[in-house]
Amino acid sequence: MPRYLLFPGRHHLLTRFQADYLRRLATESDDTATDGRGGAADETADDGVTVVWAVTSANHENTRRNPVPYHRREAAIERFSVLAGLRSVVVPVFDTAATDRFAEVTLKNVAAVTGLELTPADTVVACSTPEVAAMYERLGFAIAGVEADVEPAPARPWDVLLGLAAGDPSWRELAHPATIDVYRRYRLDDLVRAVVNDPVVGDEGGLTATRDYRAYAEAFADAAQRKWSAVREHVRPGRIVDVGCGAGAVLELADREPALRESDLIGVEVARHLFEECVHKKAQGFFTNPNVFFYRRNVLGGAVFAPRSVDTTLTFALTHEIWSYGDRIASLRRFVQAIYDHTVPGGVWINSDVCGPDGQDRTVRLRLSTTDGANPPTPRTDLTSLSPTEVATYVGTLSTRARLDQFAVDYRFPFAYRPVTDPTIADPAGTNPAAADPAGTDSTVADPAGTDSAGTVVELTLGDAMDFLTRKDYTDNWLSETQEQFCGLEYADWKALLADVGFEVDPASGPTRNDWIVTNRLAPVAGLSAPDGRPLDWPVTHVFLVARRPVNT
């Protein structure tokens, strides 16, 4: 019989069945412990069987797959062990990519943390997951099947946890008192319900499974100074919250402001990868203000801050994600209401984001270059099966016109366009630059053939045109960016929404056009016109909002 019971698993919830099973297994082993070589145990060795809890995904928390933080799981295991009369050792095992060597990785983690070299001679593995148990069997370990040993099989811990999330009160009858106690003290039952039922965040704690968070964080860091310069004069000292703070780059700049040294600086981030970077920065001493805090929260899951408790809320490039990954206007309204509710009277919400053009539902014609890349006969429908690098490489080889076809396949929102033959735009002789090139660019670039026989002109709504044009160059995160809609609201919609919730819109607010994007991304490869051929100027691309809660509220 073994000296050790290795019990690998995520262990977010412990059950009464597990306590009875492990206690029975350990008790059966107590009187016949060996030294691991078939002889009697050394009289100087520790008495009894030790349960080695290998807690997998220990570096994950607040995700649908791993809702409970490791330190809370460890606390419940230790209390469980005391109540069940078990001698236990708890070992964290960080999440790894899928591998058929998972058993070896776990054993090496145990050895590194505890010094215990577990072998088939002295260890039985307690595991009810057949695929995982098979890995240990291949290494020669005997398997105790836990729930799989019993007919009919009792509820597994994860099923009990899902019952909790679904509001089934019977979870308390199945969960061990140690779990119930720790959950109650730290309100983990509320956390589990919020995370598991979150409609926005995926299993791994991100908005999409395809986003390159390193590139995302770098882009935000590069733009942090520009963002802070734009909002600094409107920031009200006190409790300052950056919702969707990314890796904390803007809060780093706020931290350097002498006028804000008495303020609380709070970052809220839902994406696990970015939140972990914020915590790492704080640990490394990036912030001098001791009142810097980071919360991992989804603001759509409920109130994050108490009513009328925040002086300044900052959001950068966030509201279009709430619109895109939530229930569009319904989700955005809930978010704006939550911001209003937690803002002190006289406090301010500063929002900078992309914006739909005025009159975005009107029909326009868009002329796109076909000579700046390849023009395959049909778009691909299998990009989700490729690696991010392969996707970026493929999309990057397409012409602007071909990229529109690919965008229509991958875009998550309704998107309609039709190729048209437009003689008012085509100018074979090059005699009328204004007609041949409504954007004021070189007609030989935007319409190199001088005709529309290649289908360079399409008709669509202005909003759809700008949604494509402002995303067409994001090849590195193509499958992530095509899940988002930039042009959901135009400025008039924003003003109406803010007023309806109760905010007053500061005169500093307004729509803007990023002329760098126009000059470098749009004009060289595209031209915009009305259906009758009249050239149209490029519309606004961004919005800057300074919304104040009235003092008398």
Protein backbone atom coordinates (compact mmCIF):
# COMPACT_ATOMS: atom_id res chain seq x y z
CA MET A 1 0.00 0.00 0.00
CA PRO A 2 1.25 3.53 -0.71
CA ARG A 3 2.84 6.20 1.42
CA TYR A 4 1.41 8.86 -0.88
CA LEU A 5 -1.85 9.51 -2.66
CA LEU A 6 -1.29 11.90 -5.55
CA PHE A 7 -4.54 13.76 -6.23
CA PRO A 8 -4.20 15.97 -9.35
CA GLY A 9 -7.01 18.32 -10.34
CA ARG A 10 -8.16 21.91 -10.39
CA HIS A 11 -9.95 21.47 -7.03
CA HIS A 12 -12.18 24.55 -7.25
CA LEU A 13 -14.76 22.75 -5.14
CA LEU A 14 -14.39 19.83 -2.73
CA THR A 15 -17.16 17.32 -2.02
CA ARG A 16 -18.31 15.21 0.90
CA PHE A 17 -17.80 12.13 -1.27
CA GLN A 18 -14.13 13.03 -1.77
CA ALA A 19 -13.62 13.28 1.98
CA ASP A 20 -15.11 9.84 2.62
CA TYR A 21 -13.23 8.27 -0.30
CA LEU A 22 -9.80 9.73 0.55
CA ARG A 23 -10.18 9.00 4.26
CA ARG A 24 -11.11 5.40 3.53
CA LEU A 25 -8.23 5.00 1.07
CA ALA A 26 -5.73 6.56 3.47
CA THR A 27 -6.96 4.51 6.42
CA GLU A 28 -6.60 1.26 4.50
CA SER A 29 -2.99 2.22 3.81
CA ASP A 30 -1.97 3.33 7.28
CA ASP A 31 -1.20 -0.05 8.77
CA THR A 32 0.76 -1.37 5.82
CA ALA A 33 2.92 1.54 4.77
CA THR A 34 6.16 0.56 3.08
CA ASP A 35 9.43 2.27 2.43
CA GLY A 36 8.80 2.30 -1.30
CA ARG A 37 11.02 -0.74 -1.87
CA GLY A 38 8.61 -3.41 -0.70
CA GLY A 39 9.92 -3.56 2.87
CA ALA A 40 8.56 -2.15 6.09
CA ALA A 41 8.61 1.61 6.41
CA ASP A 42 11.60 3.12 8.17
CA GLU A 43 10.72 3.78 11.78
CA THR A 44 12.02 7.32 11.41
CA ALA A 45 9.68 8.03 8.47
CA ASP A 46 6.50 10.07 8.92
CA ASP A 47 3.58 7.92 9.97
CA GLY A 48 0.50 7.59 7.82
CA VAL A 49 -0.37 8.33 4.23
CA THR A 50 0.14 11.79 2.78
CA VAL A 51 -2.28 13.14 0.21
CA VAL A 52 -0.38 15.23 -2.33
CA TRP A 53 -2.82 17.70 -3.88
CA ALA A 54 -1.46 18.78 -7.25
CA VAL A 55 -3.60 21.85 -7.95
CA THR A 56 -3.50 22.38 -11.71
CA SER A 57 -4.07 25.73 -13.46
CA ALA A 58 -2.82 27.34 -10.27
CA ASN A 59 -1.88 30.53 -12.13
CA HIS A 60 -5.40 30.97 -13.51
CA GLU A 61 -8.32 32.67 -11.79
CA ASN A 62 -11.50 34.52 -12.69
CA THR A 63 -11.91 32.50 -15.87
CA ARG A 64 -14.83 30.26 -16.73
CA ARG A 65 -12.50 27.25 -16.66
CA ASN A 66 -10.79 28.38 -13.45
CA PRO A 67 -13.00 30.74 -11.45
CA VAL A 68 -11.43 30.40 -7.98
CA PRO A 69 -7.91 31.74 -7.22
CA TYR A 70 -5.28 29.20 -6.19
CA HIS A 71 -4.77 30.63 -2.69
CA ARG A 72 -8.47 30.18 -1.93
CA ARG A 73 -8.40 26.64 -3.28
CA GLU A 74 -5.39 25.92 -1.09
CA ALA A 75 -7.17 27.32 1.97
CA ALA A 76 -10.18 25.08 1.37
CA ILE A 77 -7.94 22.02 0.90
CA GLU A 78 -6.11 22.67 4.15
CA ARG A 79 -9.38 23.05 6.07
CA PHE A 80 -10.79 20.00 4.29
CA SER A 81 -7.75 17.98 5.40
CA VAL A 82 -8.15 18.98 9.04
CA LEU A 83 -11.85 18.16 9.09
CA ALA A 84 -11.33 14.85 7.26
CA GLY A 85 -8.34 13.84 9.38
CA LEU A 86 -5.95 13.72 6.40
CA ARG A 87 -2.27 14.59 6.23
CA SER A 88 -1.89 16.72 3.12
CA VAL A 89 0.65 18.60 1.05
CA VAL A 90 -0.62 21.16 -1.48
CA VAL A 91 1.40 21.86 -4.63
CA PRO A 92 0.59 24.50 -7.27
CA VAL A 93 0.95 23.38 -10.90
CA PHE A 94 0.90 26.14 -13.50
CA ASP A 95 -1.24 25.83 -16.60
CA THR A 96 0.48 24.26 -19.59
CA ALA A 97 -0.35 23.80 -23.23
CA ALA A 98 -2.00 20.49 -24.04
CA THR A 99 0.61 17.75 -23.82
CA ASP A 100 0.68 13.98 -23.46
CA ARG A 101 3.47 14.47 -20.91
CA PHE A 102 1.22 16.20 -18.42
CA ALA A 103 1.77 13.49 -15.80
CA GLU A 104 5.56 13.95 -15.96
CA VAL A 105 5.15 17.74 -15.70
CA THR A 106 3.01 17.36 -12.58
CA LEU A 107 5.45 14.95 -10.92
CA LYS A 108 8.34 17.33 -11.60
CA ASN A 109 6.37 20.19 -10.05
CA VAL A 110 5.78 18.11 -6.93
CA ALA A 111 9.48 17.33 -6.71
CA ALA A 112 10.49 20.97 -7.21
CA VAL A 113 8.10 22.31 -4.56
CA THR A 114 8.26 19.58 -1.91
CA GLY A 115 11.34 17.49 -2.66
CA LEU A 116 9.13 14.40 -2.92
CA GLU A 117 10.13 12.09 -5.77
CA LEU A 118 6.89 10.17 -6.19
CA THR A 119 7.23 6.75 -7.81
CA PRO A 120 4.88 3.87 -8.67
CA ALA A 121 6.39 1.98 -5.76
CA ASP A 122 5.19 4.41 -3.11
CA THR A 123 2.35 6.34 -4.71
CA VAL A 124 -1.20 5.71 -5.89
CA VAL A 125 -2.78 8.32 -8.16
CA ALA A 126 -6.36 9.30 -7.31
CA CYS A 127 -7.98 10.48 -10.54
CA SER A 128 -11.43 10.14 -12.07
CA THR A 129 -10.60 11.59 -15.50
CA PRO A 130 -9.81 8.66 -17.82
CA GLU A 131 -7.49 10.61 -20.15
CA VAL A 132 -5.38 11.91 -17.25
CA ALA A 133 -5.40 8.58 -15.41
CA ALA A 134 -4.10 6.86 -18.56
CA MET A 135 -1.03 9.12 -18.56
CA TYR A 136 -0.11 7.99 -15.05
CA GLU A 137 -0.85 4.37 -15.86
CA ARG A 138 1.66 4.53 -18.70
CA LEU A 139 4.25 5.55 -16.11
CA GLY A 140 3.39 2.50 -13.98
CA PHE A 141 1.22 4.13 -11.31
CA ALA A 142 -1.78 2.36 -9.81
CA ILE A 143 -5.00 4.35 -10.17
CA ALA A 144 -7.75 4.94 -7.65
CA GLY A 145 -10.73 6.10 -9.68
CA VAL A 146 -12.48 8.26 -7.02
CA GLU A 147 -15.94 8.98 -8.52
CA ALA A 148 -15.24 6.53 -11.35
CA ASP A 149 -14.91 3.72 -8.77
CA VAL A 150 -18.53 3.98 -7.67
CA GLU A 151 -21.80 2.90 -9.30
CA PRO A 152 -23.85 4.91 -9.76
CA ALA A 153 -21.17 7.58 -10.00
CA PRO A 154 -21.63 10.44 -7.52
CA ALA A 155 -21.64 14.06 -8.68
CA ARG A 156 -18.19 15.22 -9.66
CA PRO A 157 -16.88 18.47 -8.16
CA TRP A 158 -17.11 20.42 -11.41
CA ASP A 159 -20.75 19.37 -11.84
CA VAL A 160 -21.48 20.59 -8.32
CA LEU A 161 -19.79 23.90 -9.11
CA LEU A 162 -21.88 24.29 -12.27
CA GLY A 163 -24.97 23.58 -10.18
CA LEU A 164 -23.95 26.40 -7.85
CA ALA A 165 -23.54 28.72 -10.85
CA ALA A 166 -26.96 27.71 -12.15
CA GLY A 167 -28.62 28.54 -8.83
CA ASP A 168 -29.24 24.94 -7.70
CA PRO A 169 -29.32 25.05 -3.86
CA SER A 170 -28.49 21.32 -3.61
CA TRP A 171 -24.80 22.15 -4.19
CA ARG A 172 -24.49 22.77 -0.45
CA GLU A 173 -25.62 19.22 0.28
CA LEU A 174 -22.89 17.81 -1.98
CA ALA A 175 -20.03 20.22 -1.24
CA HIS A 176 -17.77 19.58 1.73
CA PRO A 177 -18.17 21.93 4.74
CA ALA A 178 -14.63 23.21 4.14
CA THR A 179 -15.61 24.50 0.72
CA ILE A 180 -18.87 25.94 2.03
CA ASP A 181 -16.99 27.75 4.82
CA VAL A 182 -14.30 29.27 2.56
CA TYR A 183 -16.85 30.17 -0.11
CA ARG A 184 -19.01 31.93 2.47
CA ARG A 185 -16.17 33.87 4.10
CA TYR A 186 -14.72 35.11 0.80
CA ARG A 187 -18.00 35.31 -1.15
CA LEU A 188 -16.66 32.83 -3.68
CA ASP A 189 -20.14 31.57 -4.51
CA ASP A 190 -20.93 35.03 -5.93
CA LEU A 191 -17.63 35.01 -7.81
CA VAL A 192 -18.32 31.59 -9.33
CA ARG A 193 -21.79 32.63 -10.49
CA ALA A 194 -20.49 35.85 -12.03
CA VAL A 195 -17.55 34.25 -13.84
CA VAL A 196 -19.20 31.07 -15.08
CA ASN A 197 -22.26 32.94 -16.33
CA ASP A 198 -20.31 35.81 -17.88
CA PRO A 199 -21.62 36.31 -21.45
CA VAL A 200 -18.55 38.27 -22.58
CA VAL A 201 -15.39 36.67 -21.24
CA GLY A 202 -14.27 33.35 -22.69
CA ASP A 203 -13.11 30.19 -20.94
CA GLU A 204 -9.52 31.43 -20.71
CA GLY A 205 -10.34 34.88 -19.36
CA GLY A 206 -10.04 36.92 -22.56
CA LEU A 207 -12.52 38.59 -24.85
CA THR A 208 -11.45 36.45 -27.78
CA ALA A 209 -9.30 33.36 -28.11
CA THR A 210 -7.34 34.85 -31.01
CA ARG A 211 -6.12 38.15 -29.57
CA ASP A 212 -2.37 38.67 -29.31
CA TYR A 213 -2.30 40.35 -25.90
CA ARG A 214 1.41 41.14 -26.07
CA ALA A 215 0.93 43.19 -29.23
CA TYR A 216 -2.22 44.68 -27.73
CA ALA A 217 -0.38 45.82 -24.59
CA GLU A 218 2.51 47.23 -26.61
CA ALA A 219 0.14 49.29 -28.76
CA PHE A 220 -1.56 50.74 -25.69
CA ALA A 221 1.78 51.55 -24.09
CA ASP A 222 2.92 53.37 -27.22
CA ALA A 223 -0.25 55.51 -27.18
CA ALA A 224 -0.36 56.09 -23.41
CA GLN A 225 1.29 59.53 -23.45
CA ARG A 226 -1.05 60.81 -26.15
CA LYS A 227 -4.07 59.51 -24.23
CA TRP A 228 -2.96 60.99 -20.93
CA SER A 229 -2.22 64.36 -22.52
CA ALA A 230 -5.75 64.45 -23.94
CA VAL A 231 -7.50 63.72 -20.63
CA ARG A 232 -5.22 65.22 -17.99
CA GLU A 233 -6.91 68.63 -17.75
CA HIS A 234 -10.31 67.00 -17.19
CA VAL A 235 -9.24 64.57 -14.45
CA ARG A 236 -10.71 65.30 -11.02
CA PRO A 237 -8.41 64.24 -8.14
CA GLY A 238 -9.67 61.75 -5.61
CA ARG A 239 -10.61 58.25 -6.59
CA ILE A 240 -9.49 57.76 -10.19
CA VAL A 241 -10.50 54.57 -12.01
CA ASP A 242 -9.24 53.38 -15.40
CA VAL A 243 -11.76 50.79 -16.62
CA GLY A 244 -10.18 48.52 -19.22
CA CYS A 245 -6.75 49.69 -18.10
CA GLY A 246 -4.84 47.19 -20.27
CA ALA A 247 -1.38 46.76 -18.80
CA GLY A 248 -1.68 49.94 -16.72
CA ALA A 249 0.28 52.31 -18.99
CA VAL A 250 -1.99 55.34 -18.46
CA LEU A 251 -2.04 54.81 -14.69
CA GLU A 252 1.76 54.83 -14.75
CA LEU A 253 1.60 58.38 -16.13
CA ALA A 254 -1.05 59.40 -13.62
CA ASP A 255 1.20 58.03 -10.89
CA ARG A 256 3.89 60.57 -11.88
CA GLU A 257 1.58 63.58 -11.47
CA PRO A 258 2.39 65.51 -8.26
CA ALA A 259 -1.16 66.88 -8.16
CA LEU A 260 -2.52 63.32 -7.91
CA ARG A 261 -0.17 62.01 -5.22
CA GLU A 262 -3.02 61.89 -2.69
CA SER A 263 -5.41 60.21 -5.13
CA ASP A 264 -6.30 56.53 -5.32
CA LEU A 265 -5.36 55.09 -8.72
CA ILE A 266 -7.40 52.02 -9.57
CA GLY A 267 -7.14 49.86 -12.68
CA VAL A 268 -9.97 47.51 -13.71
CA GLU A 269 -9.17 44.90 -16.37
CA VAL A 270 -11.18 41.88 -17.44
CA ALA A 271 -8.57 40.13 -19.64
CA ARG A 272 -6.49 37.79 -17.50
CA HIS A 273 -3.28 38.31 -19.48
CA LEU A 274 -3.38 42.09 -19.07
CA PHE A 275 -4.45 42.01 -15.43
CA GLU A 276 -1.52 39.75 -14.58
CA GLU A 277 0.84 42.22 -16.23
CA CYS A 278 -0.60 45.03 -14.08
CA VAL A 279 -0.02 43.04 -10.91
CA HIS A 280 3.50 42.20 -12.07
CA LYS A 281 4.29 45.88 -12.69
CA LYS A 282 3.10 46.84 -9.25
CA ALA A 283 5.24 44.12 -7.68
CA GLN A 284 8.25 45.36 -9.66
CA GLY A 285 7.90 48.90 -8.29
CA PHE A 286 6.55 50.68 -11.37
CA PHE A 287 4.26 52.78 -9.15
CA THR A 288 5.35 55.18 -6.40
CA ASN A 289 1.86 55.94 -5.09
CA PRO A 290 1.03 53.31 -2.43
CA ASN A 291 -2.66 53.66 -3.27
CA VAL A 292 -2.50 51.90 -6.62
CA PHE A 293 -4.85 48.92 -6.90
CA PHE A 294 -5.91 46.55 -9.66
CA TYR A 295 -9.21 44.67 -9.87
CA ARG A 296 -10.00 41.87 -12.26
CA ARG A 297 -13.65 42.50 -13.03
CA ASN A 298 -16.15 42.51 -15.87
CA VAL A 299 -18.08 45.72 -15.41
CA LEU A 300 -21.07 44.17 -17.16
CA GLY A 301 -21.29 41.51 -14.48
CA GLY A 302 -22.49 43.96 -11.83
CA ALA A 303 -21.40 46.99 -9.88
CA VAL A 304 -17.66 47.20 -9.22
CA PHE A 305 -17.70 50.29 -7.01
CA ALA A 306 -20.13 51.64 -4.45
CA PRO A 307 -22.61 54.29 -5.57
CA ARG A 308 -21.19 57.82 -5.76
CA SER A 309 -17.68 56.73 -4.79
CA VAL A 310 -15.53 57.53 -7.86
CA ASP A 311 -14.34 61.01 -8.84
CA THR A 312 -12.93 60.25 -12.30
CA THR A 313 -13.51 57.29 -14.58
CA LEU A 314 -11.29 56.82 -17.64
CA THR A 315 -12.09 54.52 -20.56
CA PHE A 316 -9.96 54.19 -23.67
CA ALA A 317 -10.98 52.06 -26.65
CA LEU A 318 -13.35 50.14 -24.40
CA THR A 319 -16.93 51.07 -25.22
CA HIS A 320 -16.83 49.56 -28.71
CA GLU A 321 -15.79 46.26 -27.11
CA ILE A 322 -18.73 46.40 -24.71
CA TRP A 323 -20.96 47.04 -27.72
CA SER A 324 -19.35 44.25 -29.75
CA TYR A 325 -18.99 41.46 -27.20
CA GLY A 326 -22.13 42.25 -25.25
CA ASP A 327 -25.66 42.91 -26.43
CA ARG A 328 -24.79 46.09 -28.32
CA ILE A 329 -26.87 49.08 -27.18
CA ALA A 330 -28.42 47.21 -24.23
CA SER A 331 -24.99 46.31 -22.84
CA LEU A 332 -23.57 49.75 -23.52
CA ARG A 333 -26.46 51.42 -21.75
CA ARG A 334 -25.95 49.18 -18.69
CA PHE A 335 -22.29 50.15 -18.68
CA VAL A 336 -23.00 53.88 -18.95
CA GLN A 337 -25.56 53.57 -16.16
CA ALA A 338 -23.02 51.75 -13.97
CA ILE A 339 -20.48 54.54 -14.57
CA TYR A 340 -23.09 57.18 -13.70
CA ASP A 341 -24.10 55.31 -10.55
CA HIS A 342 -20.57 55.05 -9.17
CA THR A 343 -19.63 58.66 -10.04
CA VAL A 344 -19.80 61.26 -7.29
CA PRO A 345 -21.96 64.33 -7.97
CA GLY A 346 -19.66 66.68 -9.88
CA GLY A 347 -17.47 63.75 -10.94
CA VAL A 348 -16.47 63.01 -14.50
CA TRP A 349 -16.33 60.17 -16.99
CA ILE A 350 -13.80 60.64 -19.81
CA ASN A 351 -14.23 58.31 -22.76
CA SER A 352 -12.06 58.08 -25.88
CA ASP A 353 -12.96 55.56 -28.55
CA VAL A 354 -13.73 54.92 -32.20
CA CYS A 355 -16.93 56.37 -33.59
CA GLY A 356 -19.34 55.81 -36.43
CA PRO A 357 -19.66 58.52 -39.11
CA ASP A 358 -22.62 60.89 -39.15
CA GLY A 359 -25.36 59.46 -41.33
CA GLN A 360 -23.75 56.06 -41.35
CA ASP A 361 -26.78 54.31 -42.85
CA ARG A 362 -26.64 56.22 -46.13
CA THR A 363 -25.41 54.41 -49.23
CA VAL A 364 -21.98 55.28 -50.64
CA ARG A 365 -19.63 53.93 -53.25
CA LEU A 366 -16.16 52.80 -52.35
CA ARG A 367 -13.38 52.38 -54.88
CA LEU A 368 -10.64 49.99 -53.74
CA SER A 369 -7.25 49.18 -55.16
CA THR A 370 -6.70 45.77 -56.74
CA THR A 371 -2.97 46.24 -57.43
CA ASP A 372 -1.62 46.38 -53.89
CA GLY A 373 -1.85 42.62 -53.37
CA ALA A 374 -3.24 39.33 -54.56
CA ASN A 375 -6.80 38.91 -55.84
CA PRO A 376 -7.87 35.28 -55.32
CA PRO A 377 -11.12 34.24 -57.05
CA THR A 378 -12.88 33.65 -53.71
CA PRO A 379 -12.20 34.48 -50.05
CA ARG A 380 -11.08 31.74 -47.69
CA THR A 381 -13.50 30.27 -45.17
CA ASP A 382 -10.97 28.34 -43.08
CA LEU A 383 -8.89 31.05 -41.40
CA THR A 384 -9.99 29.92 -37.94
CA SER A 385 -8.10 26.67 -38.51
CA LEU A 386 -4.81 28.51 -39.12
CA SER A 387 -2.28 29.86 -36.64
CA PRO A 388 -2.29 33.64 -36.00
CA THR A 389 0.95 33.95 -37.97
CA GLU A 390 -0.52 32.11 -40.94
CA VAL A 391 -3.65 34.28 -40.84
CA ALA A 392 -1.60 37.47 -40.70
CA THR A 393 0.59 36.33 -43.57
CA TYR A 394 -2.33 35.38 -45.78
CA VAL A 395 -4.44 38.50 -45.17
CA GLY A 396 -1.34 40.66 -45.55
CA THR A 397 -0.84 39.42 -49.12
CA LEU A 398 -4.34 40.44 -50.26
CA SER A 399 -5.18 43.58 -52.19
CA THR A 400 -7.47 46.08 -50.52
CA ARG A 401 -10.35 44.94 -52.72
CA ALA A 402 -9.72 41.26 -51.95
CA ARG A 403 -9.39 42.10 -48.27
CA LEU A 404 -12.95 43.45 -48.35
CA ASP A 405 -14.20 40.06 -49.54
CA GLN A 406 -12.26 38.33 -46.77
CA PHE A 407 -13.54 40.82 -44.19
CA ALA A 408 -17.13 40.04 -45.20
CA VAL A 409 -16.51 36.34 -44.49
CA ASP A 410 -14.86 36.82 -41.10
CA TYR A 411 -16.81 39.83 -39.78
CA ARG A 412 -19.23 38.88 -37.01
CA PHE A 413 -21.84 41.52 -37.78
CA PRO A 414 -24.24 41.86 -40.74
CA PHE A 415 -22.29 43.23 -43.67
CA ALA A 416 -23.65 43.72 -47.18
CA TYR A 417 -22.10 45.21 -50.30
CA ARG A 418 -22.40 44.79 -54.04
CA PRO A 419 -19.92 45.41 -56.85
CA VAL A 420 -21.03 48.08 -59.31
CA THR A 421 -19.84 49.45 -62.63
CA ASP A 422 -19.53 53.17 -62.14
CA PRO A 423 -18.54 55.21 -65.18
CA THR A 424 -18.68 58.41 -63.12
CA ILE A 425 -15.70 57.18 -61.13
CA ALA A 426 -13.75 55.45 -63.88
CA ASP A 427 -11.59 57.84 -65.88
CA PRO A 428 -9.59 55.87 -68.46
CA ALA A 429 -8.10 58.96 -70.03
CA GLY A 430 -7.14 60.51 -66.74
CA THR A 431 -8.64 63.83 -67.80
CA ASN A 432 -10.77 64.44 -64.77
CA PRO A 433 -8.79 63.81 -61.57
CA ALA A 434 -11.69 64.86 -59.35
CA ALA A 435 -14.03 62.31 -60.90
CA ALA A 436 -11.45 59.57 -61.14
CA ASP A 437 -10.26 60.08 -57.58
CA PRO A 438 -12.89 61.50 -55.20
CA ALA A 439 -10.53 61.25 -52.20
CA GLY A 440 -7.97 63.46 -53.89
CA THR A 441 -5.40 60.71 -54.32
CA ASP A 442 -3.52 59.39 -57.31
CA SER A 443 -6.04 57.74 -59.62
CA THR A 444 -3.36 55.44 -60.96
CA VAL A 445 -3.13 53.90 -57.50
CA ALA A 446 -6.81 53.76 -56.57
CA ASP A 447 -8.02 52.68 -60.00
CA PRO A 448 -4.97 51.52 -61.94
CA ALA A 449 -6.96 49.99 -64.76
CA GLY A 450 -8.89 53.19 -65.35
CA THR A 451 -12.12 51.17 -65.47
CA ASP A 452 -14.28 49.21 -63.09
CA SER A 453 -14.17 45.95 -65.00
CA ALA A 454 -12.17 44.40 -62.17
CA GLY A 455 -14.91 45.17 -59.65
CA THR A 456 -12.94 47.87 -57.87
CA VAL A 457 -16.11 49.78 -56.95
CA VAL A 458 -18.62 48.52 -54.39
CA GLU A 459 -21.79 50.01 -52.99
CA LEU A 460 -22.53 49.74 -49.26
CA THR A 461 -23.47 51.85 -46.27
CA LEU A 462 -21.05 54.47 -45.02
CA GLY A 463 -20.86 52.78 -41.62
CA ASP A 464 -19.94 49.41 -43.14
CA ALA A 465 -17.38 51.12 -45.40
CA MET A 466 -15.65 52.72 -42.41
CA ASP A 467 -15.84 49.56 -40.34
CA PHE A 468 -13.87 47.79 -43.05
CA LEU A 469 -11.45 50.61 -43.82
CA THR A 470 -10.52 51.20 -40.18
CA ARG A 471 -9.82 47.49 -39.66
CA LYS A 472 -8.30 46.36 -42.95
CA ASP A 473 -4.69 46.83 -41.80
CA TYR A 474 -5.03 44.93 -38.51
CA THR A 475 -3.68 41.73 -39.98
CA ASP A 476 -1.82 40.62 -36.84
CA ASN A 477 -5.09 40.33 -34.93
CA TRP A 478 -7.41 39.83 -37.89
CA LEU A 479 -9.69 37.19 -36.39
CA SER A 480 -10.00 39.19 -33.19
CA GLU A 481 -10.60 42.55 -34.84
CA THR A 482 -13.27 41.14 -37.12
CA GLN A 483 -15.28 40.28 -34.00
CA GLU A 484 -15.66 43.99 -33.17
CA GLN A 485 -17.79 46.77 -34.63
CA PHE A 486 -16.24 50.24 -34.58
CA CYS A 487 -19.17 52.17 -36.05
CA GLY A 488 -22.00 51.09 -33.77
CA LEU A 489 -22.82 54.63 -32.61
CA GLU A 490 -22.35 58.03 -34.19
CA TYR A 491 -21.83 61.18 -32.13
CA ALA A 492 -25.51 62.13 -32.01
CA ASP A 493 -26.28 58.68 -30.56
CA TRP A 494 -23.63 59.19 -27.88
CA LYS A 495 -25.06 62.55 -26.81
CA ALA A 496 -28.56 61.12 -26.61
CA LEU A 497 -27.43 58.12 -24.55
CA LEU A 498 -25.46 60.23 -22.07
CA ALA A 499 -28.30 62.70 -21.60
CA ASP A 500 -30.81 59.90 -21.15
CA VAL A 501 -28.74 58.35 -18.32
CA GLY A 502 -28.26 61.75 -16.64
CA PHE A 503 -24.80 62.95 -17.66
CA GLU A 504 -24.08 66.45 -18.87
CA VAL A 505 -21.84 66.57 -21.94
CA ASP A 506 -18.91 68.96 -21.54
CA PRO A 507 -18.16 71.33 -24.46
CA ALA A 508 -14.75 69.68 -24.77
CA SER A 509 -16.54 66.64 -26.20
CA GLY A 510 -16.88 65.95 -29.88
CA PRO A 511 -16.11 63.71 -32.85
CA THR A 512 -12.73 63.84 -34.55
CA ARG A 513 -11.05 62.44 -37.63
CA ASN A 514 -7.65 60.79 -37.42
CA ASP A 515 -5.95 62.41 -40.40
CA TRP A 516 -2.93 60.14 -40.09
CA ILE A 517 -5.19 57.18 -40.82
CA VAL A 518 -6.73 59.03 -43.77
CA THR A 519 -3.36 60.01 -45.23
CA ASN A 520 -1.54 56.75 -44.66
CA ARG A 521 -4.20 54.03 -44.65
CA LEU A 522 -7.25 55.18 -46.59
CA ALA A 523 -6.44 57.68 -49.32
CA PRO A 524 -3.64 55.69 -51.00
CA VAL A 525 -5.90 52.70 -51.71
CA ALA A 526 -9.51 53.89 -51.57
CA GLY A 527 -11.86 56.59 -52.77
CA LEU A 528 -15.28 57.54 -51.42
CA SER A 529 -18.21 58.93 -53.39
CA ALA A 530 -21.99 59.30 -53.35
CA PRO A 531 -24.01 56.95 -55.59
CA ASP A 532 -24.21 59.73 -58.18
CA GLY A 533 -20.44 60.05 -58.32
CA ARG A 534 -20.05 63.18 -56.20
CA PRO A 535 -16.79 62.92 -54.24
CA LEU A 536 -17.17 62.66 -50.47
CA ASP A 537 -14.73 63.72 -47.81
CA TRP A 538 -13.55 61.11 -45.33
CA PRO A 539 -15.79 61.13 -42.23
CA VAL A 540 -14.96 61.22 -38.52
CA THR A 541 -13.29 58.17 -36.99
CA HIS A 542 -13.15 58.83 -33.22
CA VAL A 543 -15.07 60.41 -30.38
CA PHE A 544 -13.86 62.20 -27.23
CA LEU A 545 -16.44 62.49 -24.45
CA VAL A 546 -16.24 64.37 -21.18
CA ALA A 547 -19.41 63.53 -19.28
CA ARG A 548 -20.14 65.03 -15.86
CA ARG A 549 -22.62 63.95 -13.25
CA PRO A 550 -24.53 67.08 -12.18
CA VAL A 551 -23.63 68.36 -8.72
CA ASN A 552 -27.23 68.44 -7.57
CA THR A 553 -27.68 64.68 -8.01
